[in-house]
PDB file of all heavy atoms in Angstrom:
ATOM      1  N   PHE A   1     111.191  74.937  91.201  1.00  0.00           N
ATOM      2  CA  PHE A   1     110.874  76.243  90.626  1.00  0.00           C
ATOM      3  C   PHE A   1     111.435  77.365  91.497  1.00  0.00           C
ATOM      4  O   PHE A   1     110.731  78.268  91.907  1.00  0.00           O
ATOM      5  CB  PHE A   1     109.357  76.409  90.481  1.00  0.00           C
ATOM      6  CG  PHE A   1     108.783  75.584  89.378  1.00  0.00           C
ATOM      7  CD1 PHE A   1     108.394  74.283  89.621  1.00  0.00           C
ATOM      8  CD2 PHE A   1     108.646  76.075  88.107  1.00  0.00           C
ATOM      9  CE1 PHE A   1     107.867  73.503  88.619  1.00  0.00           C
ATOM     10  CE2 PHE A   1     108.113  75.303  87.094  1.00  0.00           C
ATOM     11  CZ  PHE A   1     107.735  74.000  87.355  1.00  0.00           C
ATOM     12  N   THR A   2     112.712  77.296  91.793  1.00  0.00           N
ATOM     13  CA  THR A   2     113.318  78.372  92.571  1.00  0.00           C
ATOM     14  C   THR A   2     113.194  79.687  91.809  1.00  0.00           C
ATOM     15  O   THR A   2     113.341  79.743  90.597  1.00  0.00           O
ATOM     16  CB  THR A   2     114.810  78.081  92.833  1.00  0.00           C
ATOM     17  OG1 THR A   2     115.438  77.800  91.591  1.00  0.00           O
ATOM     18  CG2 THR A   2     114.975  76.922  93.786  1.00  0.00           C
ATOM     19  N   VAL A   3     112.888  80.730  92.556  1.00  0.00           N
ATOM     20  CA  VAL A   3     112.708  82.052  91.958  1.00  0.00           C
ATOM     21  C   VAL A   3     114.055  82.758  91.950  1.00  0.00           C
ATOM     22  O   VAL A   3     114.617  83.045  92.996  1.00  0.00           O
ATOM     23  CB  VAL A   3     111.670  82.867  92.743  1.00  0.00           C
ATOM     24  CG1 VAL A   3     111.461  84.220  92.092  1.00  0.00           C
ATOM     25  CG2 VAL A   3     110.366  82.099  92.826  1.00  0.00           C
ATOM     26  N   VAL A   4     114.596  83.004  90.775  1.00  0.00           N
ATOM     27  CA  VAL A   4     115.927  83.583  90.630  1.00  0.00           C
ATOM     28  C   VAL A   4     115.794  85.010  90.114  1.00  0.00           C
ATOM     29  O   VAL A   4     114.990  85.278  89.212  1.00  0.00           O
ATOM     30  CB  VAL A   4     116.785  82.741  89.666  1.00  0.00           C
ATOM     31  CG1 VAL A   4     118.167  83.358  89.502  1.00  0.00           C
ATOM     32  CG2 VAL A   4     116.892  81.316  90.182  1.00  0.00           C
ATOM     33  N   GLN A   5     116.561  85.913  90.703  1.00  0.00           N
ATOM     34  CA  GLN A   5     116.547  87.304  90.259  1.00  0.00           C
ATOM     35  C   GLN A   5     116.777  87.366  88.751  1.00  0.00           C
ATOM     36  O   GLN A   5     117.705  86.752  88.226  1.00  0.00           O
ATOM     37  CB  GLN A   5     117.633  88.096  90.987  1.00  0.00           C
ATOM     38  CG  GLN A   5     117.622  89.585  90.682  1.00  0.00           C
ATOM     39  CD  GLN A   5     116.439  90.282  91.312  1.00  0.00           C
ATOM     40  OE1 GLN A   5     115.979  89.894  92.369  1.00  0.00           O
ATOM     41  NE2 GLN A   5     115.936  91.325  90.670  1.00  0.00           N
ATOM     42  N   GLY A   6     115.896  88.083  88.045  1.00  0.00           N
ATOM     43  CA  GLY A   6     116.021  88.226  86.609  1.00  0.00           C
ATOM     44  C   GLY A   6     115.265  87.173  85.820  1.00  0.00           C
ATOM     45  O   GLY A   6     115.177  87.280  84.608  1.00  0.00           O
ATOM     46  N   GLN A   7     114.710  86.175  86.524  1.00  0.00           N
ATOM     47  CA  GLN A   7     113.966  85.121  85.827  1.00  0.00           C
ATOM     48  C   GLN A   7     112.464  85.245  86.065  1.00  0.00           C
ATOM     49  O   GLN A   7     111.730  84.293  85.879  1.00  0.00           O
ATOM     50  CB  GLN A   7     114.454  83.736  86.250  1.00  0.00           C
ATOM     51  CG  GLN A   7     115.811  83.382  85.664  1.00  0.00           C
ATOM     52  CD  GLN A   7     116.143  81.917  85.850  1.00  0.00           C
ATOM     53  OE1 GLN A   7     115.706  81.284  86.783  1.00  0.00           O
ATOM     54  NE2 GLN A   7     116.918  81.376  84.929  1.00  0.00           N
ATOM     55  N   TYR A   8     112.020  86.407  86.500  1.00  0.00           N
ATOM     56  CA  TYR A   8     110.596  86.642  86.600  1.00  0.00           C
ATOM     57  C   TYR A   8     110.288  88.086  86.218  1.00  0.00           C
ATOM     58  O   TYR A   8     111.132  88.965  86.305  1.00  0.00           O
ATOM     59  CB  TYR A   8     110.061  86.328  87.999  1.00  0.00           C
ATOM     60  CG  TYR A   8     110.690  87.143  89.107  1.00  0.00           C
ATOM     61  CD1 TYR A   8     110.302  88.456  89.361  1.00  0.00           C
ATOM     62  CD2 TYR A   8     111.677  86.590  89.917  1.00  0.00           C
ATOM     63  CE1 TYR A   8     110.864  89.190  90.378  1.00  0.00           C
ATOM     64  CE2 TYR A   8     112.245  87.313  90.943  1.00  0.00           C
ATOM     65  CZ  TYR A   8     111.856  88.619  91.169  1.00  0.00           C
ATOM     66  OH  TYR A   8     112.419  89.353  92.167  1.00  0.00           O
ATOM     67  N   LEU A   9     109.093  88.297  85.759  1.00  0.00           N
ATOM     68  CA  LEU A   9     108.608  89.629  85.428  1.00  0.00           C
ATOM     69  C   LEU A   9     107.305  89.841  86.180  1.00  0.00           C
ATOM     70  O   LEU A   9     106.497  88.914  86.323  1.00  0.00           O
ATOM     71  CB  LEU A   9     108.370  89.782  83.923  1.00  0.00           C
ATOM     72  CG  LEU A   9     109.585  89.579  83.011  1.00  0.00           C
ATOM     73  CD1 LEU A   9     109.139  89.589  81.549  1.00  0.00           C
ATOM     74  CD2 LEU A   9     110.623  90.654  83.258  1.00  0.00           C
ATOM     75  N   VAL A  10     107.059  91.049  86.654  1.00  0.00           N
ATOM     76  CA  VAL A  10     105.821  91.374  87.358  1.00  0.00           C
ATOM     77  C   VAL A  10     105.108  92.478  86.598  1.00  0.00           C
ATOM     78  O   VAL A  10     105.709  93.506  86.270  1.00  0.00           O
ATOM     79  CB  VAL A  10     106.095  91.830  88.810  1.00  0.00           C
ATOM     80  CG1 VAL A  10     104.794  92.124  89.532  1.00  0.00           C
ATOM     81  CG2 VAL A  10     106.897  90.773  89.548  1.00  0.00           C
ATOM     82  N   ASN A  11     103.851  92.264  86.297  1.00  0.00           N
ATOM     83  CA  ASN A  11     103.080  93.252  85.556  1.00  0.00           C
ATOM     84  C   ASN A  11     101.733  93.469  86.214  1.00  0.00           C
ATOM     85  O   ASN A  11     101.109  92.534  86.709  1.00  0.00           O
ATOM     86  CB  ASN A  11     102.840  92.784  84.111  1.00  0.00           C
ATOM     87  CG  ASN A  11     104.134  92.591  83.350  1.00  0.00           C
ATOM     88  OD1 ASN A  11     104.861  93.543  83.145  1.00  0.00           O
ATOM     89  ND2 ASN A  11     104.420  91.358  82.964  1.00  0.00           N
ATOM     90  N   ALA A  12     101.290  94.721  86.218  1.00  0.00           N
ATOM     91  CA  ALA A  12      99.938  95.052  86.668  1.00  0.00           C
ATOM     92  C   ALA A  12      99.072  95.226  85.430  1.00  0.00           C
ATOM     93  O   ALA A  12      99.451  95.938  84.511  1.00  0.00           O
ATOM     94  CB  ALA A  12      99.942  96.342  87.483  1.00  0.00           C
ATOM     95  N   LYS A  13      97.900  94.595  85.420  1.00  0.00           N
ATOM     96  CA  LYS A  13      97.069  94.608  84.211  1.00  0.00           C
ATOM     97  C   LYS A  13      95.857  95.527  84.347  1.00  0.00           C
ATOM     98  O   LYS A  13      94.895  95.384  83.631  1.00  0.00           O
ATOM     99  CB  LYS A  13      96.626  93.184  83.881  1.00  0.00           C
ATOM    100  CG  LYS A  13      97.791  92.259  83.557  1.00  0.00           C
ATOM    101  CD  LYS A  13      97.328  90.910  83.071  1.00  0.00           C
ATOM    102  CE  LYS A  13      96.714  90.998  81.701  1.00  0.00           C
ATOM    103  NZ  LYS A  13      96.373  89.657  81.172  1.00  0.00           N
ATOM    104  N   THR A  14      95.911  96.446  85.299  1.00  0.00           N
ATOM    105  CA  THR A  14      94.830  97.413  85.425  1.00  0.00           C
ATOM    106  C   THR A  14      95.390  98.703  85.995  1.00  0.00           C
ATOM    107  O   THR A  14      96.309  98.690  86.807  1.00  0.00           O
ATOM    108  CB  THR A  14      93.687  96.896  86.316  1.00  0.00           C
ATOM    109  OG1 THR A  14      92.745  97.953  86.554  1.00  0.00           O
ATOM    110  CG2 THR A  14      94.215  96.406  87.652  1.00  0.00           C
ATOM    111  N   ASN A  15      94.845  99.814  85.566  1.00  0.00           N
ATOM    112  CA  ASN A  15      95.331 101.108  86.047  1.00  0.00           C
ATOM    113  C   ASN A  15      95.029 101.338  87.515  1.00  0.00           C
ATOM    114  O   ASN A  15      95.621 102.199  88.151  1.00  0.00           O
ATOM    115  CB  ASN A  15      94.711 102.241  85.216  1.00  0.00           C
ATOM    116  CG  ASN A  15      95.218 102.240  83.792  1.00  0.00           C
ATOM    117  OD1 ASN A  15      96.327 101.816  83.519  1.00  0.00           O
ATOM    118  ND2 ASN A  15      94.393 102.731  82.875  1.00  0.00           N
ATOM    119  N   SER A  16      94.076 100.569  88.059  1.00  0.00           N
ATOM    120  CA  SER A  16      93.711 100.766  89.464  1.00  0.00           C
ATOM    121  C   SER A  16      94.665 100.042  90.402  1.00  0.00           C
ATOM    122  O   SER A  16      94.502 100.095  91.606  1.00  0.00           O
ATOM    123  CB  SER A  16      92.278 100.271  89.710  1.00  0.00           C
ATOM    124  OG  SER A  16      92.206  98.874  89.503  1.00  0.00           O
ATOM    125  N   LEU A  17      95.679  99.384  89.855  1.00  0.00           N
ATOM    126  CA  LEU A  17      96.595  98.594  90.663  1.00  0.00           C
ATOM    127  C   LEU A  17      98.002  99.152  90.531  1.00  0.00           C
ATOM    128  O   LEU A  17      98.470  99.459  89.442  1.00  0.00           O
ATOM    129  CB  LEU A  17      96.575  97.137  90.190  1.00  0.00           C
ATOM    130  CG  LEU A  17      97.447  96.137  90.927  1.00  0.00           C
ATOM    131  CD1 LEU A  17      96.994  96.008  92.366  1.00  0.00           C
ATOM    132  CD2 LEU A  17      97.378  94.799  90.233  1.00  0.00           C
ATOM    133  N   SER A  18      98.670  99.317  91.656  1.00  0.00           N
ATOM    134  CA  SER A  18     100.041  99.806  91.613  1.00  0.00           C
ATOM    135  C   SER A  18     100.884  99.020  92.606  1.00  0.00           C
ATOM    136  O   SER A  18     100.374  98.425  93.541  1.00  0.00           O
ATOM    137  CB  SER A  18     100.099 101.297  91.966  1.00  0.00           C
ATOM    138  OG  SER A  18      99.624 101.522  93.274  1.00  0.00           O
ATOM    139  N   TYR A  19     102.208  99.002  92.367  1.00  0.00           N
ATOM    140  CA  TYR A  19     103.107  98.327  93.273  1.00  0.00           C
ATOM    141  C   TYR A  19     104.492  98.903  93.035  1.00  0.00           C
ATOM    142  O   TYR A  19     104.745  99.608  92.058  1.00  0.00           O
ATOM    143  CB  TYR A  19     103.118  96.813  93.040  1.00  0.00           C
ATOM    144  CG  TYR A  19     103.557  96.453  91.644  1.00  0.00           C
ATOM    145  CD1 TYR A  19     104.879  96.188  91.361  1.00  0.00           C
ATOM    146  CD2 TYR A  19     102.643  96.433  90.606  1.00  0.00           C
ATOM    147  CE1 TYR A  19     105.300  95.905  90.078  1.00  0.00           C
ATOM    148  CE2 TYR A  19     103.046  96.145  89.315  1.00  0.00           C
ATOM    149  CZ  TYR A  19     104.376  95.879  89.053  1.00  0.00           C
ATOM    150  OH  TYR A  19     104.776  95.611  87.778  1.00  0.00           O
ATOM    151  N   SER A  20     105.385  98.605  93.938  1.00  0.00           N
ATOM    152  CA  SER A  20     106.734  99.138  93.820  1.00  0.00           C
ATOM    153  C   SER A  20     107.695  98.014  93.467  1.00  0.00           C
ATOM    154  O   SER A  20     107.794  97.023  94.184  1.00  0.00           O
ATOM    155  CB  SER A  20     107.168  99.799  95.134  1.00  0.00           C
ATOM    156  OG  SER A  20     108.542 100.109  95.091  1.00  0.00           O
ATOM    157  N   ASN A  21     108.416  98.167  92.358  1.00  0.00           N
ATOM    158  CA  ASN A  21     109.413  97.162  91.989  1.00  0.00           C
ATOM    159  C   ASN A  21     110.488  97.021  93.058  1.00  0.00           C
ATOM    160  O   ASN A  21     111.056  95.957  93.246  1.00  0.00           O
ATOM    161  CB  ASN A  21     110.070  97.534  90.656  1.00  0.00           C
ATOM    162  CG  ASN A  21     109.186  97.214  89.464  1.00  0.00           C
ATOM    163  OD1 ASN A  21     108.684  96.119  89.355  1.00  0.00           O
ATOM    164  ND2 ASN A  21     108.982  98.195  88.610  1.00  0.00           N
ATOM    165  N   LYS A  22     110.769  98.094  93.751  1.00  0.00           N
ATOM    166  CA  LYS A  22     111.806  98.045  94.777  1.00  0.00           C
ATOM    167  C   LYS A  22     111.400  97.135  95.941  1.00  0.00           C
ATOM    168  O   LYS A  22     112.260  96.686  96.697  1.00  0.00           O
ATOM    169  CB  LYS A  22     112.088  99.455  95.293  1.00  0.00           C
ATOM    170  CG  LYS A  22     112.701 100.381  94.248  1.00  0.00           C
ATOM    171  CD  LYS A  22     112.955 101.761  94.825  1.00  0.00           C
ATOM    172  CE  LYS A  22     113.553 102.679  93.777  1.00  0.00           C
ATOM    173  NZ  LYS A  22     113.807 104.038  94.303  1.00  0.00           N
ATOM    174  N   GLU A  23     110.128  96.881  96.076  1.00  0.00           N
ATOM    175  CA  GLU A  23     109.673  96.065  97.189  1.00  0.00           C
ATOM    176  C   GLU A  23     109.529  94.591  96.817  1.00  0.00           C
ATOM    177  O   GLU A  23     109.090  93.788  97.627  1.00  0.00           O
ATOM    178  CB  GLU A  23     108.337  96.601  97.720  1.00  0.00           C
ATOM    179  CG  GLU A  23     108.463  97.978  98.339  1.00  0.00           C
ATOM    180  CD  GLU A  23     107.142  98.458  98.912  1.00  0.00           C
ATOM    181  OE1 GLU A  23     106.784  98.022 100.009  1.00  0.00           O
ATOM    182  OE2 GLU A  23     106.487  99.258  98.239  1.00  0.00           O
ATOM    183  N   LEU A  24     109.916  94.244  95.585  1.00  0.00           N
ATOM    184  CA  LEU A  24     109.903  92.840  95.198  1.00  0.00           C
ATOM    185  C   LEU A  24     111.049  92.121  95.891  1.00  0.00           C
ATOM    186  O   LEU A  24     112.155  92.647  96.001  1.00  0.00           O
ATOM    187  CB  LEU A  24     110.068  92.697  93.688  1.00  0.00           C
ATOM    188  CG  LEU A  24     108.874  93.131  92.845  1.00  0.00           C
ATOM    189  CD1 LEU A  24     109.221  93.016  91.372  1.00  0.00           C
ATOM    190  CD2 LEU A  24     107.677  92.259  93.146  1.00  0.00           C
ATOM    191  N   SER A  25     110.793  90.944  96.369  1.00  0.00           N
ATOM    192  CA  SER A  25     111.846  90.150  96.992  1.00  0.00           C
ATOM    193  C   SER A  25     111.641  88.700  96.631  1.00  0.00           C
ATOM    194  O   SER A  25     110.532  88.269  96.333  1.00  0.00           O
ATOM    195  CB  SER A  25     111.816  90.310  98.516  1.00  0.00           C
ATOM    196  OG  SER A  25     110.610  89.805  99.042  1.00  0.00           O
ATOM    197  N   ASP A  26     112.723  87.937  96.599  1.00  0.00           N
ATOM    198  CA  ASP A  26     112.595  86.510  96.342  1.00  0.00           C
ATOM    199  C   ASP A  26     113.404  85.761  97.387  1.00  0.00           C
ATOM    200  O   ASP A  26     114.487  86.168  97.773  1.00  0.00           O
ATOM    201  CB  ASP A  26     113.057  86.147  94.932  1.00  0.00           C
ATOM    202  CG  ASP A  26     114.426  86.705  94.611  1.00  0.00           C
ATOM    203  OD1 ASP A  26     114.498  87.853  94.142  1.00  0.00           O
ATOM    204  OD2 ASP A  26     115.413  85.995  94.831  1.00  0.00           O
ATOM    205  N   SER A  27     112.830  84.683  97.853  1.00  0.00           N
ATOM    206  CA  SER A  27     113.474  83.887  98.892  1.00  0.00           C
ATOM    207  C   SER A  27     113.115  82.434  98.686  1.00  0.00           C
ATOM    208  O   SER A  27     112.007  82.014  99.007  1.00  0.00           O
ATOM    209  CB  SER A  27     113.005  84.359 100.282  1.00  0.00           C
ATOM    210  OG  SER A  27     113.533  83.540 101.288  1.00  0.00           O
ATOM    211  N   GLY A  28     114.050  81.667  98.110  1.00  0.00           N
ATOM    212  CA  GLY A  28     113.796  80.255  97.913  1.00  0.00           C
ATOM    213  C   GLY A  28     112.624  80.031  96.989  1.00  0.00           C
ATOM    214  O   GLY A  28     112.629  80.436  95.842  1.00  0.00           O
ATOM    215  N   LEU A  29     111.582  79.407  97.518  1.00  0.00           N
ATOM    216  CA  LEU A  29     110.431  79.060  96.700  1.00  0.00           C
ATOM    217  C   LEU A  29     109.290  80.054  96.868  1.00  0.00           C
ATOM    218  O   LEU A  29     108.158  79.776  96.516  1.00  0.00           O
ATOM    219  CB  LEU A  29     109.951  77.652  97.058  1.00  0.00           C
ATOM    220  CG  LEU A  29     110.988  76.545  96.899  1.00  0.00           C
ATOM    221  CD1 LEU A  29     110.401  75.218  97.299  1.00  0.00           C
ATOM    222  CD2 LEU A  29     111.495  76.494  95.473  1.00  0.00           C
TER     223      LEU A  29
END
């Protein structure tokens, strides 16, 4: 299940939660 750029989506399911897409990184597994 290698994590490949473009093969995952990240979603926050509550307004009290925030994150930065720019800080997403993938490395191997």
